[in-house]
C-alpha atoms as a PDB file:
ATOM      1  CA  ASN A   1       0.000   0.000   0.000  1.00  0.00           C
ATOM      2  CA  ILE A   2       1.290   3.421  -0.956  1.00  0.00           C
ATOM      3  CA  PRO A   3       0.351   6.131   1.570  1.00  0.00           C
ATOM      4  CA  THR A   4      -1.979   8.797   0.238  1.00  0.00           C
ATOM      5  CA  PRO A   5      -1.904  12.488   1.240  1.00  0.00           C
ATOM      6  CA  GLU A   6      -5.045  12.161   3.359  1.00  0.00           C
ATOM      7  CA  TRP A   7      -3.120   9.873   5.730  1.00  0.00           C
ATOM      8  CA  ARG A   8      -1.006  12.947   6.655  1.00  0.00           C
ATOM      9  CA  LEU A   9       2.101  10.847   7.070  1.00  0.00           C
ATOM     10  CA  THR A  10       5.453  12.567   7.283  1.00  0.00           C
ATOM     11  CA  ALA A  11       8.839  11.041   6.535  1.00  0.00           C
ATOM     12  CA  LEU A  12       9.242  10.482  10.271  1.00  0.00           C
ATOM     13  CA  HIS A  13       5.984   8.566  10.471  1.00  0.00           C
ATOM     14  CA  LEU A  14       7.032   6.378   7.576  1.00  0.00           C
ATOM     15  CA  LEU A  15      10.542   5.748   8.895  1.00  0.00           C
ATOM     16  CA  VAL A  16       9.434   4.679  12.365  1.00  0.00           C
ATOM     17  CA  SER A  17       6.776   2.381  10.919  1.00  0.00           C
ATOM     18  CA  LEU A  18       9.108   0.632   8.479  1.00  0.00           C
ATOM     19  CA  LYS A  19      10.026  -2.969   9.149  1.00  0.00           C
ATOM     20  CA  CYS A  20      13.710  -1.923   9.233  1.00  0.00           C
ATOM     21  CA  THR A  21      15.672  -2.241  12.437  1.00  0.00           C
ATOM     22  CA  GLU A  22      16.034   0.686  14.796  1.00  0.00           C
ATOM     23  CA  THR A  23      19.772   0.745  14.114  1.00  0.00           C
ATOM     24  CA  GLU A  24      19.119   1.244  10.397  1.00  0.00           C
ATOM     25  CA  VAL A  25      16.497   3.968  10.845  1.00  0.00           C
ATOM     26  CA  PHE A  26      17.923   5.922  13.800  1.00  0.00           C
ATOM     27  CA  PRO A  27      20.660   7.843  11.859  1.00  0.00           C
ATOM     28  CA  ILE A  28      18.162   8.893   9.194  1.00  0.00           C
ATOM     29  CA  VAL A  29      15.624  10.080  11.767  1.00  0.00           C
ATOM     30  CA  THR A  30      18.227  12.046  13.738  1.00  0.00           C
ATOM     31  CA  TRP A  31      19.509  13.616  10.507  1.00  0.00           C
ATOM     32  CA  LEU A  32      15.975  14.662   9.531  1.00  0.00           C
ATOM     33  CA  VAL A  33      15.326  16.164  12.950  1.00  0.00           C
ATOM     34  CA  GLU A  34      18.733  17.728  13.691  1.00  0.00           C
ATOM     35  CA  GLU A  35      19.856  18.813  10.235  1.00  0.00           C
ATOM     36  CA  LYS A  36      16.635  19.337   8.320  1.00  0.00           C
ATOM     37  CA  GLY A  37      14.416  20.509  11.175  1.00  0.00           C
ATOM     38  CA  ALA A  38      11.717  17.855  10.796  1.00  0.00           C
ATOM     39  CA  ASP A  39       8.726  18.533  13.037  1.00  0.00           C
ATOM     40  CA  VAL A  40       8.381  15.710  15.556  1.00  0.00           C
ATOM     41  CA  THR A  41       5.120  17.144  16.939  1.00  0.00           C
ATOM     42  CA  CYS A  42       3.105  16.568  13.751  1.00  0.00           C
ATOM     43  CA  VAL A  43       0.297  14.050  13.942  1.00  0.00           C
ATOM     44  CA  ASN A  44      -1.032  11.655  11.350  1.00  0.00           C
ATOM     45  CA  LYS A  45      -4.682  11.106  10.495  1.00  0.00           C
ATOM     46  CA  ARG A  46      -5.154   8.920  13.550  1.00  0.00           C
ATOM     47  CA  GLY A  47      -3.589  11.512  15.854  1.00  0.00           C
ATOM     48  CA  TYR A  48      -0.256   9.741  16.415  1.00  0.00           C
ATOM     49  CA  MET A  49       3.072  11.514  16.579  1.00  0.00           C
ATOM     50  CA  PRO A  50       6.166   9.722  15.281  1.00  0.00           C
ATOM     51  CA  ALA A  51       7.313   8.955  18.853  1.00  0.00           C
ATOM     52  CA  GLN A  52       4.066   7.140  19.566  1.00  0.00           C
ATOM     53  CA  MET A  53       4.409   5.114  16.388  1.00  0.00           C
ATOM     54  CA  ALA A  54       8.014   4.234  17.306  1.00  0.00           C
ATOM     55  CA  ARG A  55       6.825   2.912  20.663  1.00  0.00           C
ATOM     56  CA  VAL A  56       4.089   0.836  19.012  1.00  0.00           C
ATOM     57  CA  THR A  57       6.598  -0.679  16.593  1.00  0.00           C
ATOM     58  CA  GLY A  58       9.004  -1.494  19.439  1.00  0.00           C
ATOM     59  CA  LYS A  59      11.681   1.062  18.546  1.00  0.00           C
ATOM     60  CA  LEU A  60      12.143   2.298  22.121  1.00  0.00           C
ATOM     61  CA  ARG A  61      15.444   4.139  21.632  1.00  0.00           C
ATOM     62  CA  LEU A  62      13.857   6.024  18.750  1.00  0.00           C
ATOM     63  CA  HIS A  63      10.753   6.620  20.864  1.00  0.00           C
ATOM     64  CA  ASN A  64      12.854   8.142  23.693  1.00  0.00           C
ATOM     65  CA  TYR A  65      14.812  10.312  21.245  1.00  0.00           C
ATOM     66  CA  LEU A  66      11.668  11.610  19.506  1.00  0.00           C
ATOM     67  CA  GLN A  67       9.875  12.201  22.795  1.00  0.00           C
ATOM     68  CA  ALA A  68      12.773  14.327  24.059  1.00  0.00           C
ATOM     69  CA  ARG A  69      12.710  16.314  20.807  1.00  0.00           C
ATOM     70  CA  GLU A  70       8.942  16.806  21.173  1.00  0.00           C
ATOM     71  CA  LYS A  71       9.539  18.652  24.428  1.00  0.00           C
ATOM     72  CA  THR A  72      12.257  20.900  23.007  1.00  0.00           C
ATOM     73  CA  GLN A  73      10.287  21.628  19.825  1.00  0.00           C
ATOM     74  CA  ALA A  74       7.119  22.317  21.799  1.00  0.00           C
ATOM     75  CA  ALA A  75       9.026  24.736  24.049  1.00  0.00           C
ATOM     76  CA  ARG A  76      10.558  26.472  21.011  1.00  0.00           C
ATOM     77  CA  LYS A  77       7.147  26.740  19.326  1.00  0.00           C
ATOM     78  CA  ALA A  78       5.625  28.179  22.501  1.00  0.00           C
ATOM     79  CA  LYS A  79       8.396  30.778  22.658  1.00  0.00           C
ATOM     80  CA  GLU A  80       7.920  31.644  18.973  1.00  0.00           C
ATOM     81  CA  ASN A  81       4.151  31.887  19.449  1.00  0.00           C
ATOM     82  CA  LYS A  82       4.638  34.188  22.425  1.00  0.00           C
ATOM     83  CA  LYS A  83       6.979  36.426  20.403  1.00  0.00           C
ATOM     84  CA  GLU A  84       4.476  36.457  17.529  1.00  0.00           C
ATOM     85  CA  GLU A  85       1.631  37.396  19.895  1.00  0.00           C
ATOM     86  CA  GLU A  86       3.749  40.192  21.373  1.00  0.00           C
ATOM     87  CA  ARG A  87       4.575  41.436  17.884  1.00  0.00           C
ATOM     88  CA  LYS A  88       0.885  41.389  16.945  1.00  0.00           C
ATOM     89  CA  MET A  89      -0.038  43.267  20.124  1.00  0.00           C
ATOM     90  CA  LYS A  90       2.624  45.913  19.455  1.00  0.00           C
ATOM     91  CA  ALA A  91       1.389  46.266  15.883  1.00  0.00           C
ATOM     92  CA  ALA A  92      -2.194  46.632  17.121  1.00  0.00           C
ATOM     93  CA  GLU A  93      -1.115  49.215  19.701  1.00  0.00           C
ATOM     94  CA  SER A  94       0.808  51.115  17.025  1.00  0.00           C
ATOM     95  CA  ALA A  95      -2.203  51.064  14.728  1.00  0.00           C
ATOM     96  CA  THR A  96      -4.436  52.298  17.558  1.00  0.00           C
ATOM     97  CA  MET A  97      -2.018  55.112  18.389  1.00  0.00           C
ATOM     98  CA  ALA A  98      -1.762  56.080  14.718  1.00  0.00           C
ATOM     99  CA  ARG A  99      -5.567  56.136  14.448  1.00  0.00           C
ATOM    100  CA  ARG A 100      -5.853  58.254  17.593  1.00  0.00           C
ATOM    101  CA  LEU A 101      -3.220  60.686  16.321  1.00  0.00           C
ATOM    102  CA  ARG A 102      -5.022  60.933  12.987  1.00  0.00           C
ATOM    103  CA  GLU A 103      -8.322  61.604  14.781  1.00  0.00           C
ATOM    104  CA  ALA A 104      -6.659  64.242  16.981  1.00  0.00           C
ATOM    105  CA  GLU A 105      -5.114  65.912  13.916  1.00  0.00           C
ATOM    106  CA  GLU A 106      -8.489  65.917  12.163  1.00  0.00           C
ATOM    107  CA  GLY A 107     -10.122  67.366  15.272  1.00  0.00           C
ATOM    108  CA  MET A 108      -7.467  70.086  15.525  1.00  0.00           C
ATOM    109  CA  ALA A 109      -7.860  70.920  11.831  1.00  0.00           C
ATOM    110  CA  ALA A 110     -11.634  71.207  12.269  1.00  0.00           C
ATOM    111  CA  LEU A 111     -11.183  73.483  15.299  1.00  0.00           C
ATOM    112  CA  LEU A 112      -8.707  75.642  13.402  1.00  0.00           C
ATOM    113  CA  LEU A 113     -11.155  76.004  10.505  1.00  0.00           C
ATOM    114  CA  GLU A 114     -13.912  76.869  12.952  1.00  0.00           C
ATOM    115  CA  LEU A 115     -11.751  79.520  14.654  1.00  0.00           C
ATOM    116  CA  GLU A 116     -10.732  80.992  11.302  1.00  0.00           C
ATOM    117  CA  ALA A 117     -14.395  81.149  10.275  1.00  0.00           C
ATOM    118  CA  GLU A 118     -15.303  82.902  13.546  1.00  0.00           C
ATOM    119  CA  GLU A 119     -12.442  85.433  13.123  1.00  0.00           C
ATOM    120  CA  GLU A 120     -13.532  86.076   9.546  1.00  0.00           C
ATOM    121  CA  ALA A 121     -17.114  86.591  10.710  1.00  0.00           C
ATOM    122  CA  GLU A 122     -15.968  89.011  13.424  1.00  0.00           C
ATOM    123  CA  LYS A 123     -13.857  90.981  10.906  1.00  0.00           C
ATOM    124  CA  GLN A 124     -16.783  91.090   8.507  1.00  0.00           C
ATOM    125  CA  ALA A 125     -19.102  92.295  11.295  1.00  0.00           C
ATOM    126  CA  ALA A 126     -16.603  95.016  12.274  1.00  0.00           C
ATOM    127  CA  GLU A 127     -16.281  96.165   8.637  1.00  0.00           C
ATOM    128  CA  ASP A 128     -20.056  96.160   8.242  1.00  0.00           C
ATOM    129  CA  LYS A 129     -20.376  98.263  11.390  1.00  0.00           C
ATOM    130  CA  LYS A 130     -17.816 100.755  10.082  1.00  0.00           C
ATOM    131  CA  LYS A 131     -19.592 100.988   6.741  1.00  0.00           C
ATOM    132  CA  GLU A 132     -22.923 101.467   8.487  1.00  0.00           C
ATOM    133  CA  GLY A 133     -21.447 104.250  10.588  1.00  0.00           C
ATOM    134  CA  LYS A 134     -20.059 106.046   7.517  1.00  0.00           C
ATOM    135  CA  ALA A 135     -23.309 105.628   5.636  1.00  0.00           C
ATOM    136  CA  SER A 136     -25.285 107.326   8.393  1.00  0.00           C
ATOM    137  CA  GLY A 137     -22.953 110.285   8.340  1.00  0.00           C
ATOM    138  CA  GLY A 138     -20.989 109.282  11.317  1.00  0.00           C
ATOM    139  CA  LYS A 139     -23.467 110.864  13.726  1.00  0.00           C
ATOM    140  CA  LYS A 140     -25.349 108.928  16.251  1.00  0.00           C
ATOM    141  CA  LYS A 141     -28.929 109.808  16.971  1.00  0.00           C
ATOM    142  CA  LYS A 142     -29.622 110.920  20.493  1.00  0.00           C
ATOM    143  CA  LYS A 143     -32.358 109.309  22.408  1.00  0.00           C
ATOM    144  CA  LYS A 144     -34.942 111.589  23.879  1.00  0.00           C
END
């Protein structure tokens, strides 16, 4: 039987399940893990990691090796995930600060336009008052 993609078997899964001896397979497995960075925490369709399959097939030295690597890879992944979460939080905080700054700038621009409009209205009112005073001859009527 040739494994199909839906079995989700990795090279590690296949190697530990082969009918070869542990002595024959061990150097290849260690090379894949140490040199090529093979993920020992991946699971197949049935939910087994390579270490579990090694135990089932009686390859106990391989099982112990893979189980130890599971712990180190899991710790490294947790550290990477934590760094990624921190990076995402910093990016979100930066985006929030940028949005708040943009909103503050827009608010300041609106206030500045409002103040300029009020100043213009006051100048216009003062000019209108001057013109009105000149048009009436500059004399104010006395109240009786």
